[in-house]
Amino acid sequence: MTYPDEHQADATAVNLTIRTAAGRLRIIPVWQALGAHAVQARRTRVHCSRRHNFDEMTVTFESVPVEELAEIATRLNAQPWVVTASLHTPVVKESTPDVRG
């Protein structure tokens, strides 16, 4: 079952995405790597793709400096079970006014 995302993308939000081989995602070590910033996580998404043989966890933060999240991503990338850990800023689509004449 899925639930609608009640949170609108915020211009200051940053996603930390951790990708591993299928079956290798370690949730607890990811949360431990977040350290004191774990309580500032706004949203978490876990995705398993058996078709492409990977697992992925994305944690969204709003008030954590990008530099600190980059340091966490670097530490996670050093783990042998992590394929990649990266930061992304969600794209916010601006609404365009309806200009029908």
Protein backbone atom coordinates (compact mmCIF):
# COMPACT_ATOMS: atom_id res chain seq x y z
CA MET A 1 0.00 0.00 0.00
CA THR A 2 1.29 3.45 -0.79
CA TYR A 3 0.39 6.72 0.82
CA PRO A 4 0.42 10.11 -0.88
CA ASP A 5 3.38 12.25 0.01
CA GLU A 6 1.96 15.08 2.09
CA HIS A 7 5.24 16.99 1.99
CA GLN A 8 5.90 19.43 -0.79
CA ALA A 9 9.44 19.55 -2.13
CA ASP A 10 11.33 22.35 -0.44
CA ALA A 11 14.06 24.34 -2.19
CA THR A 12 16.39 23.67 0.76
CA ALA A 13 15.75 19.91 0.85
CA VAL A 14 18.63 17.55 0.07
CA ASN A 15 18.34 13.82 -0.60
CA LEU A 16 21.03 11.37 0.46
CA THR A 17 20.71 8.20 -1.64
CA ILE A 18 22.54 4.98 -0.81
CA ARG A 19 22.57 2.23 -3.46
CA THR A 20 23.72 -1.35 -2.87
CA ALA A 21 23.57 -4.67 -4.67
CA ALA A 22 20.24 -6.43 -4.15
CA GLY A 23 19.99 -7.89 -0.67
CA ARG A 24 22.98 -5.93 0.66
CA LEU A 25 21.31 -2.76 2.01
CA ARG A 26 22.05 -2.35 5.72
CA ILE A 27 19.48 -0.01 7.21
CA ILE A 28 20.90 0.22 10.75
CA PRO A 29 24.46 1.13 9.66
CA VAL A 30 22.98 3.84 7.38
CA TRP A 31 21.11 5.37 10.33
CA GLN A 32 24.24 5.08 12.48
CA ALA A 33 26.22 6.92 9.79
CA LEU A 34 23.71 9.77 9.95
CA GLY A 35 24.66 10.28 13.58
CA ALA A 36 23.09 13.32 15.20
CA HIS A 37 21.50 14.30 11.88
CA ALA A 38 19.22 11.22 11.88
CA VAL A 39 16.60 13.09 13.91
CA GLN A 40 16.47 15.74 11.16
CA ALA A 41 15.41 13.26 8.48
CA ARG A 42 12.13 14.41 7.00
CA ARG A 43 11.35 11.47 4.74
CA THR A 44 12.80 8.04 4.02
CA ARG A 45 12.20 5.88 0.98
CA VAL A 46 13.49 2.34 0.39
CA HIS A 47 13.30 0.84 -3.09
CA CYS A 48 14.26 -2.67 -4.20
CA SER A 49 14.68 -3.36 -7.91
CA ARG A 50 15.05 -7.05 -8.60
CA ARG A 51 14.97 -6.32 -12.31
CA HIS A 52 18.10 -4.16 -12.08
CA ASN A 53 19.54 -6.04 -9.09
CA PHE A 54 19.90 -3.16 -6.61
CA ASP A 55 18.46 -1.81 -3.37
CA GLU A 56 18.27 1.90 -2.67
CA MET A 57 17.51 4.05 0.37
CA THR A 58 16.85 7.78 0.09
CA VAL A 59 16.70 10.03 3.15
CA THR A 60 15.47 13.62 2.73
CA PHE A 61 16.80 16.40 4.96
CA GLU A 62 15.87 20.06 5.10
CA SER A 63 18.03 21.71 7.71
CA VAL A 64 21.34 19.87 7.51
CA PRO A 65 24.22 21.66 5.76
CA VAL A 66 25.14 20.04 2.44
CA GLU A 67 28.79 19.90 3.52
CA GLU A 68 27.91 17.68 6.47
CA LEU A 69 25.76 15.40 4.32
CA ALA A 70 28.61 15.18 1.80
CA GLU A 71 30.90 14.00 4.61
CA ILE A 72 28.36 11.31 5.55
CA ALA A 73 28.10 10.23 1.88
CA THR A 74 31.90 9.96 1.73
CA ARG A 75 31.96 7.73 4.82
CA LEU A 76 29.18 5.54 3.40
CA ASN A 77 30.98 5.25 0.05
CA ALA A 78 33.93 3.76 1.94
CA GLN A 79 31.79 0.82 3.09
CA PRO A 80 32.32 -2.36 1.04
CA TRP A 81 28.56 -3.05 0.79
CA VAL A 82 27.76 0.39 -0.69
CA VAL A 83 27.81 0.73 -4.48
CA THR A 84 27.30 4.49 -4.27
CA ALA A 85 26.11 7.17 -1.84
CA SER A 86 25.21 10.51 -3.39
CA LEU A 87 23.45 13.80 -2.71
CA HIS A 88 20.64 15.23 -4.82
CA THR A 89 18.49 18.32 -4.63
CA PRO A 90 14.87 17.63 -5.59
CA VAL A 91 13.69 19.52 -8.65
CA VAL A 92 10.83 21.85 -7.82
CA LYS A 93 8.55 22.57 -10.74
CA GLU A 94 7.26 26.09 -10.69
CA SER A 95 3.67 26.49 -11.66
CA THR A 96 3.10 28.52 -14.79
CA PRO A 97 0.11 30.79 -14.94
CA ASP A 98 -2.69 29.76 -17.23
CA VAL A 99 -2.69 32.45 -19.93
CA ARG A 100 -5.61 31.54 -22.11
CA GLY A 101 -7.02 34.34 -24.12
